[in-house]
Amino acid sequence: MRPDRKNEPARNGSLGPIRQWIESVFWTCKGQLTLEAHGGRTLTGVCTRVGLRLLALAAGLVHNQDIGNPGRHFASLGY
């Protein structure tokens, strides 16, 4: 999928917000979950480690929502 060109009829509209969201998810996976240094040696090991880290992220997000602190940061803010 690509953005619409100026000389063609509108099909998809602006894809900027979607791209921003996707890149944000990728950054979270690479940054907070350190997926580039997963340490798995087999395909099963890689899938297991990535799955566990995604599960931990989901648990952290649910916990933050439960305590009224939405967001992807997990460090204590001191208040």
PDB file of N, CA and C in Angstrom:
ATOM      1  N   MET A   1       0.842  -1.162   0.000  1.00  0.00           N
ATOM      2  CA  MET A   1       0.000   0.000   0.000  1.00  0.00           C
ATOM      3  C   MET A   1       0.897   1.238   0.000  1.00  0.00           C
ATOM      4  N   ARG A   2       0.493   2.241  -0.713  1.00  0.00           N
ATOM      5  CA  ARG A   2       1.266   3.464  -0.799  1.00  0.00           C
ATOM      6  C   ARG A   2       0.322   4.653  -0.750  1.00  0.00           C
ATOM      7  N   PRO A   3       0.832   5.834  -0.412  1.00  0.00           N
ATOM      8  CA  PRO A   3      -0.020   7.031  -0.421  1.00  0.00           C
ATOM      9  C   PRO A   3      -0.483   7.362  -1.836  1.00  0.00           C
ATOM     10  N   ASP A   4      -1.582   8.088  -1.912  1.00  0.00           N
ATOM     11  CA  ASP A   4      -2.102   8.522  -3.209  1.00  0.00           C
ATOM     12  C   ASP A   4      -1.168   9.539  -3.839  1.00  0.00           C
ATOM     13  N   ARG A   5      -1.008   9.451  -5.139  1.00  0.00           N
ATOM     14  CA  ARG A   5      -0.240  10.461  -5.870  1.00  0.00           C
ATOM     15  C   ARG A   5      -1.146  11.634  -6.192  1.00  0.00           C
ATOM     16  N   LYS A   6      -0.539  12.756  -6.526  1.00  0.00           N
ATOM     17  CA  LYS A   6      -1.323  13.959  -6.819  1.00  0.00           C
ATOM     18  C   LYS A   6      -2.161  13.815  -8.085  1.00  0.00           C
ATOM     19  N   ASN A   7      -1.669  13.055  -9.054  1.00  0.00           N
ATOM     20  CA  ASN A   7      -2.363  12.959 -10.334  1.00  0.00           C
ATOM     21  C   ASN A   7      -3.274  11.741 -10.454  1.00  0.00           C
ATOM     22  N   GLU A   8      -3.667  11.111  -9.375  1.00  0.00           N
ATOM     23  CA  GLU A   8      -4.580   9.974  -9.427  1.00  0.00           C
ATOM     24  C   GLU A   8      -5.731  10.164  -8.445  1.00  0.00           C
ATOM     25  N   PRO A   9      -6.845   9.509  -8.686  1.00  0.00           N
ATOM     26  CA  PRO A   9      -7.981   9.664  -7.766  1.00  0.00           C
ATOM     27  C   PRO A   9      -7.657   9.108  -6.371  1.00  0.00           C
ATOM     28  N   ALA A  10      -8.348   9.651  -5.380  1.00  0.00           N
ATOM     29  CA  ALA A  10      -8.119   9.244  -3.991  1.00  0.00           C
ATOM     30  C   ALA A  10      -8.518   7.784  -3.801  1.00  0.00           C
ATOM     31  N   ARG A  11      -7.603   7.005  -3.225  1.00  0.00           N
ATOM     32  CA  ARG A  11      -7.896   5.603  -2.921  1.00  0.00           C
ATOM     33  C   ARG A  11      -7.680   5.320  -1.447  1.00  0.00           C
ATOM     34  N   ASN A  12      -6.482   5.610  -0.979  1.00  0.00           N
ATOM     35  CA  ASN A  12      -6.116   5.246   0.385  1.00  0.00           C
ATOM     36  C   ASN A  12      -6.030   6.428   1.334  1.00  0.00           C
ATOM     37  N   GLY A  13      -5.928   7.609   0.814  1.00  0.00           N
ATOM     38  CA  GLY A  13      -5.784   8.775   1.680  1.00  0.00           C
ATOM     39  C   GLY A  13      -4.387   8.867   2.250  1.00  0.00           C
ATOM     40  N   SER A  14      -4.257   9.563   3.338  1.00  0.00           N
ATOM     41  CA  SER A  14      -2.960   9.748   3.982  1.00  0.00           C
ATOM     42  C   SER A  14      -2.634   8.531   4.843  1.00  0.00           C
ATOM     43  N   LEU A  15      -1.458   7.998   4.650  1.00  0.00           N
ATOM     44  CA  LEU A  15      -1.041   6.824   5.425  1.00  0.00           C
ATOM     45  C   LEU A  15      -0.074   7.192   6.541  1.00  0.00           C
ATOM     46  N   GLY A  16       0.162   8.491   6.731  1.00  0.00           N
ATOM     47  CA  GLY A  16       1.114   8.938   7.744  1.00  0.00           C
ATOM     48  C   GLY A  16       0.799   8.461   9.153  1.00  0.00           C
ATOM     49  N   PRO A  17      -0.440   8.624   9.627  1.00  0.00           N
ATOM     50  CA  PRO A  17      -0.742   8.172  10.992  1.00  0.00           C
ATOM     51  C   PRO A  17      -0.581   6.664  11.171  1.00  0.00           C
ATOM     52  N   ILE A  18      -0.910   5.893  10.145  1.00  0.00           N
ATOM     53  CA  ILE A  18      -0.771   4.436  10.241  1.00  0.00           C
ATOM     54  C   ILE A  18       0.704   4.060  10.302  1.00  0.00           C
ATOM     55  N   ARG A  19       1.495   4.712   9.445  1.00  0.00           N
ATOM     56  CA  ARG A  19       2.933   4.438   9.452  1.00  0.00           C
ATOM     57  C   ARG A  19       3.546   4.828  10.794  1.00  0.00           C
ATOM     58  N   GLN A  20       3.129   5.950  11.345  1.00  0.00           N
ATOM     59  CA  GLN A  20       3.636   6.397  12.643  1.00  0.00           C
ATOM     60  C   GLN A  20       3.323   5.368  13.728  1.00  0.00           C
ATOM     61  N   TRP A  21       2.117   4.830  13.712  1.00  0.00           N
ATOM     62  CA  TRP A  21       1.710   3.835  14.704  1.00  0.00           C
ATOM     63  C   TRP A  21       2.534   2.560  14.558  1.00  0.00           C
ATOM     64  N   ILE A  22       2.718   2.100  13.323  1.00  0.00           N
ATOM     65  CA  ILE A  22       3.489   0.880  13.085  1.00  0.00           C
ATOM     66  C   ILE A  22       4.938   1.066  13.532  1.00  0.00           C
ATOM     67  N   GLU A  23       5.543   2.200  13.183  1.00  0.00           N
ATOM     68  CA  GLU A  23       6.922   2.432  13.584  1.00  0.00           C
ATOM     69  C   GLU A  23       7.047   2.583  15.094  1.00  0.00           C
ATOM     70  N   SER A  24       6.026   3.117  15.741  1.00  0.00           N
ATOM     71  CA  SER A  24       6.032   3.213  17.199  1.00  0.00           C
ATOM     72  C   SER A  24       6.026   1.827  17.833  1.00  0.00           C
ATOM     73  N   VAL A  25       5.224   0.922  17.273  1.00  0.00           N
ATOM     74  CA  VAL A  25       5.176  -0.457  17.785  1.00  0.00           C
ATOM     75  C   VAL A  25       6.530  -1.134  17.568  1.00  0.00           C
ATOM     76  N   PHE A  26       7.123  -0.966  16.389  1.00  0.00           N
ATOM     77  CA  PHE A  26       8.434  -1.561  16.125  1.00  0.00           C
ATOM     78  C   PHE A  26       9.486  -1.005  17.077  1.00  0.00           C
ATOM     79  N   TRP A  27       9.462   0.323  17.327  1.00  0.00           N
ATOM     80  CA  TRP A  27      10.434   0.921  18.218  1.00  0.00           C
ATOM     81  C   TRP A  27      10.285   0.353  19.628  1.00  0.00           C
ATOM     82  N   THR A  28       9.045   0.192  20.065  1.00  0.00           N
ATOM     83  CA  THR A  28       8.798  -0.374  21.388  1.00  0.00           C
ATOM     84  C   THR A  28       9.365  -1.784  21.472  1.00  0.00           C
ATOM     85  N   CYS A  29       9.108  -2.575  20.438  1.00  0.00           N
ATOM     86  CA  CYS A  29       9.606  -3.951  20.450  1.00  0.00           C
ATOM     87  C   CYS A  29      11.128  -3.998  20.447  1.00  0.00           C
ATOM     88  N   LYS A  30      11.742  -3.149  19.665  1.00  0.00           N
ATOM     89  CA  LYS A  30      13.202  -3.169  19.584  1.00  0.00           C
ATOM     90  C   LYS A  30      13.842  -2.507  20.797  1.00  0.00           C
ATOM     91  N   GLY A  31      13.258  -1.427  21.289  1.00  0.00           N
ATOM     92  CA  GLY A  31      13.859  -0.678  22.377  1.00  0.00           C
ATOM     93  C   GLY A  31      13.592  -1.260  23.743  1.00  0.00           C
ATOM     94  N   GLN A  32      12.341  -1.271  24.145  1.00  0.00           N
ATOM     95  CA  GLN A  32      12.005  -1.714  25.496  1.00  0.00           C
ATOM     96  C   GLN A  32      12.133  -3.214  25.677  1.00  0.00           C
ATOM     97  N   LEU A  33      11.874  -3.978  24.635  1.00  0.00           N
ATOM     98  CA  LEU A  33      11.917  -5.430  24.774  1.00  0.00           C
ATOM     99  C   LEU A  33      13.243  -6.030  24.327  1.00  0.00           C
ATOM    100  N   THR A  34      14.156  -5.219  23.859  1.00  0.00           N
ATOM    101  CA  THR A  34      15.465  -5.640  23.350  1.00  0.00           C
ATOM    102  C   THR A  34      15.357  -6.866  22.448  1.00  0.00           C
ATOM    103  N   LEU A  35      14.496  -6.773  21.455  1.00  0.00           N
ATOM    104  CA  LEU A  35      14.283  -7.912  20.571  1.00  0.00           C
ATOM    105  C   LEU A  35      15.455  -8.160  19.632  1.00  0.00           C
ATOM    106  N   GLU A  36      16.319  -7.170  19.447  1.00  0.00           N
ATOM    107  CA  GLU A  36      17.474  -7.414  18.598  1.00  0.00           C
ATOM    108  C   GLU A  36      18.521  -8.267  19.300  1.00  0.00           C
ATOM    109  N   ALA A  37      18.437  -8.382  20.606  1.00  0.00           N
ATOM    110  CA  ALA A  37      19.374  -9.196  21.384  1.00  0.00           C
ATOM    111  C   ALA A  37      18.594 -10.266  22.139  1.00  0.00           C
ATOM    112  N   HIS A  38      17.787 -11.030  21.427  1.00  0.00           N
ATOM    113  CA  HIS A  38      16.897 -11.999  22.069  1.00  0.00           C
ATOM    114  C   HIS A  38      17.628 -13.206  22.628  1.00  0.00           C
ATOM    115  N   GLY A  39      18.735 -13.631  22.009  1.00  0.00           N
ATOM    116  CA  GLY A  39      19.521 -14.744  22.534  1.00  0.00           C
ATOM    117  C   GLY A  39      19.028 -16.114  22.141  1.00  0.00           C
ATOM    118  N   GLY A  40      18.005 -16.202  21.310  1.00  0.00           N
ATOM    119  CA  GLY A  40      17.514 -17.505  20.877  1.00  0.00           C
ATOM    120  C   GLY A  40      18.430 -18.107  19.821  1.00  0.00           C
ATOM    121  N   ARG A  41      18.605 -19.405  19.881  1.00  0.00           N
ATOM    122  CA  ARG A  41      19.503 -20.068  18.921  1.00  0.00           C
ATOM    123  C   ARG A  41      18.742 -20.848  17.864  1.00  0.00           C
ATOM    124  N   THR A  42      17.534 -21.233  18.152  1.00  0.00           N
ATOM    125  CA  THR A  42      16.709 -21.943  17.174  1.00  0.00           C
ATOM    126  C   THR A  42      15.463 -21.119  16.913  1.00  0.00           C
ATOM    127  N   LEU A  43      14.735 -21.462  15.875  1.00  0.00           N
ATOM    128  CA  LEU A  43      13.503 -20.741  15.573  1.00  0.00           C
ATOM    129  C   LEU A  43      12.507 -20.848  16.727  1.00  0.00           C
ATOM    130  N   THR A  44      12.443 -22.020  17.327  1.00  0.00           N
ATOM    131  CA  THR A  44      11.553 -22.195  18.481  1.00  0.00           C
ATOM    132  C   THR A  44      11.996 -21.324  19.646  1.00  0.00           C
ATOM    133  N   GLY A  45      13.292 -21.250  19.889  1.00  0.00           N
ATOM    134  CA  GLY A  45      13.806 -20.414  20.973  1.00  0.00           C
ATOM    135  C   GLY A  45      13.537 -18.936  20.738  1.00  0.00           C
ATOM    136  N   VAL A  46      13.726 -18.484  19.495  1.00  0.00           N
ATOM    137  CA  VAL A  46      13.465 -17.085  19.163  1.00  0.00           C
ATOM    138  C   VAL A  46      11.989 -16.769  19.366  1.00  0.00           C
ATOM    139  N   CYS A  47      11.117 -17.620  18.835  1.00  0.00           N
ATOM    140  CA  CYS A  47       9.671 -17.394  18.973  1.00  0.00           C
ATOM    141  C   CYS A  47       9.247 -17.384  20.433  1.00  0.00           C
ATOM    142  N   THR A  48       9.803 -18.279  21.222  1.00  0.00           N
ATOM    143  CA  THR A  48       9.471 -18.331  22.647  1.00  0.00           C
ATOM    144  C   THR A  48       9.895 -17.063  23.367  1.00  0.00           C
ATOM    145  N   ARG A  49      11.128 -16.627  23.133  1.00  0.00           N
ATOM    146  CA  ARG A  49      11.629 -15.436  23.816  1.00  0.00           C
ATOM    147  C   ARG A  49      10.885 -14.179  23.390  1.00  0.00           C
ATOM    148  N   VAL A  50      10.609 -14.055  22.096  1.00  0.00           N
ATOM    149  CA  VAL A  50       9.861 -12.891  21.619  1.00  0.00           C
ATOM    150  C   VAL A  50       8.443 -12.916  22.188  1.00  0.00           C
ATOM    151  N   GLY A  51       7.813 -14.092  22.185  1.00  0.00           N
ATOM    152  CA  GLY A  51       6.470 -14.212  22.743  1.00  0.00           C
ATOM    153  C   GLY A  51       6.415 -13.851  24.216  1.00  0.00           C
ATOM    154  N   LEU A  52       7.403 -14.296  24.984  1.00  0.00           N
ATOM    155  CA  LEU A  52       7.438 -13.976  26.416  1.00  0.00           C
ATOM    156  C   LEU A  52       7.617 -12.482  26.649  1.00  0.00           C
ATOM    157  N   ARG A  53       8.435 -11.851  25.833  1.00  0.00           N
ATOM    158  CA  ARG A  53       8.641 -10.410  26.005  1.00  0.00           C
ATOM    159  C   ARG A  53       7.395  -9.628  25.622  1.00  0.00           C
ATOM    160  N   LEU A  54       6.701 -10.064  24.574  1.00  0.00           N
ATOM    161  CA  LEU A  54       5.451  -9.393  24.209  1.00  0.00           C
ATOM    162  C   LEU A  54       4.388  -9.596  25.281  1.00  0.00           C
ATOM    163  N   LEU A  55       4.351 -10.779  25.865  1.00  0.00           N
ATOM    164  CA  LEU A  55       3.421 -11.047  26.965  1.00  0.00           C
ATOM    165  C   LEU A  55       3.743 -10.171  28.175  1.00  0.00           C
ATOM    166  N   ALA A  56       5.024  -9.996  28.469  1.00  0.00           N
ATOM    167  CA  ALA A  56       5.421  -9.126  29.582  1.00  0.00           C
ATOM    168  C   ALA A  56       5.028  -7.679  29.309  1.00  0.00           C
ATOM    169  N   LEU A  57       5.185  -7.221  28.055  1.00  0.00           N
ATOM    170  CA  LEU A  57       4.771  -5.863  27.707  1.00  0.00           C
ATOM    171  C   LEU A  57       3.265  -5.703  27.887  1.00  0.00           C
ATOM    172  N   ALA A  58       2.494  -6.682  27.426  1.00  0.00           N
ATOM    173  CA  ALA A  58       1.033  -6.616  27.573  1.00  0.00           C
ATOM    174  C   ALA A  58       0.642  -6.582  29.052  1.00  0.00           C
ATOM    175  N   ALA A  59       1.299  -7.396  29.866  1.00  0.00           N
ATOM    176  CA  ALA A  59       0.999  -7.400  31.305  1.00  0.00           C
ATOM    177  C   ALA A  59       1.336  -6.044  31.927  1.00  0.00           C
ATOM    178  N   GLY A  60       2.445  -5.448  31.512  1.00  0.00           N
ATOM    179  CA  GLY A  60       2.812  -4.131  32.022  1.00  0.00           C
ATOM    180  C   GLY A  60       1.819  -3.055  31.621  1.00  0.00           C
ATOM    181  N   LEU A  61       1.330  -3.121  30.389  1.00  0.00           N
ATOM    182  CA  LEU A  61       0.336  -2.145  29.934  1.00  0.00           C
ATOM    183  C   LEU A  61      -0.976  -2.293  30.691  1.00  0.00           C
ATOM    184  N   VAL A  62      -1.394  -3.532  30.936  1.00  0.00           N
ATOM    185  CA  VAL A  62      -2.625  -3.759  31.700  1.00  0.00           C
ATOM    186  C   VAL A  62      -2.450  -3.249  33.128  1.00  0.00           C
ATOM    187  N   HIS A  63      -1.280  -3.506  33.718  1.00  0.00           N
ATOM    188  CA  HIS A  63      -1.022  -3.023  35.077  1.00  0.00           C
ATOM    189  C   HIS A  63      -1.055  -1.499  35.124  1.00  0.00           C
ATOM    190  N   ASN A  64      -0.394  -0.845  34.153  1.00  0.00           N
ATOM    191  CA  ASN A  64      -0.412   0.615  34.121  1.00  0.00           C
ATOM    192  C   ASN A  64      -1.830   1.148  33.983  1.00  0.00           C
ATOM    193  N   GLN A  65      -2.641   0.492  33.179  1.00  0.00           N
ATOM    194  CA  GLN A  65      -4.027   0.929  33.014  1.00  0.00           C
ATOM    195  C   GLN A  65      -4.806   0.745  34.321  1.00  0.00           C
ATOM    196  N   ASP A  66      -4.546  -0.346  35.015  1.00  0.00           N
ATOM    197  CA  ASP A  66      -5.235  -0.603  36.290  1.00  0.00           C
ATOM    198  C   ASP A  66      -4.891   0.429  37.356  1.00  0.00           C
ATOM    199  N   ILE A  67      -3.651   0.916  37.366  1.00  0.00           N
ATOM    200  CA  ILE A  67      -3.264   1.891  38.382  1.00  0.00           C
ATOM    201  C   ILE A  67      -3.496   3.327  37.920  1.00  0.00           C
ATOM    202  N   GLY A  68      -4.070   3.478  36.721  1.00  0.00           N
ATOM    203  CA  GLY A  68      -4.405   4.811  36.237  1.00  0.00           C
ATOM    204  C   GLY A  68      -3.236   5.570  35.641  1.00  0.00           C
ATOM    205  N   ASN A  69      -2.253   4.865  35.156  1.00  0.00           N
ATOM    206  CA  ASN A  69      -1.071   5.495  34.581  1.00  0.00           C
ATOM    207  C   ASN A  69      -0.845   4.939  33.173  1.00  0.00           C
ATOM    208  N   PRO A  70      -1.683   5.353  32.199  1.00  0.00           N
ATOM    209  CA  PRO A  70      -1.552   4.764  30.865  1.00  0.00           C
ATOM    210  C   PRO A  70      -0.249   5.193  30.197  1.00  0.00           C
ATOM    211  N   GLY A  71       0.282   4.328  29.406  1.00  0.00           N
ATOM    212  CA  GLY A  71       1.526   4.613  28.700  1.00  0.00           C
ATOM    213  C   GLY A  71       2.403   3.393  28.645  1.00  0.00           C
ATOM    214  N   ARG A  72       3.518   3.532  27.944  1.00  0.00           N
ATOM    215  CA  ARG A  72       4.419   2.398  27.783  1.00  0.00           C
ATOM    216  C   ARG A  72       5.635   2.505  28.679  1.00  0.00           C
ATOM    217  N   HIS A  73       5.666   3.444  29.609  1.00  0.00           N
ATOM    218  CA  HIS A  73       6.800   3.542  30.511  1.00  0.00           C
ATOM    219  C   HIS A  73       6.498   2.727  31.762  1.00  0.00           C
ATOM    220  N   PHE A  74       7.527   2.057  32.264  1.00  0.00           N
ATOM    221  CA  PHE A  74       7.322   1.170  33.404  1.00  0.00           C
ATOM    222  C   PHE A  74       8.161   1.562  34.605  1.00  0.00           C
ATOM    223  N   ALA A  75       8.880   2.644  34.499  1.00  0.00           N
ATOM    224  CA  ALA A  75       9.660   3.119  35.648  1.00  0.00           C
ATOM    225  C   ALA A  75       8.751   3.951  36.549  1.00  0.00           C
ATOM    226  N   SER A  76       9.031   3.929  37.831  1.00  0.00           N
ATOM    227  CA  SER A  76       8.258   4.713  38.776  1.00  0.00           C
ATOM    228  C   SER A  76       8.491   6.206  38.524  1.00  0.00           C
ATOM    229  N   LEU A  77       7.418   6.965  38.495  1.00  0.00           N
ATOM    230  CA  LEU A  77       7.544   8.385  38.252  1.00  0.00           C
ATOM    231  C   LEU A  77       7.660   9.176  39.549  1.00  0.00           C
ATOM    232  N   GLY A  78       7.509   8.526  40.685  1.00  0.00           N
ATOM    233  CA  GLY A  78       7.723   9.180  41.961  1.00  0.00           C
ATOM    234  C   GLY A  78       6.546   9.988  42.477  1.00  0.00           C
ATOM    235  N   TYR A  79       5.362   9.782  41.934  1.00  0.00           N
ATOM    236  CA  TYR A  79       4.193  10.491  42.476  1.00  0.00           C
ATOM    237  C   TYR A  79       3.041   9.567  42.624  1.00  0.00           C
TER     238      TYR A  79
END
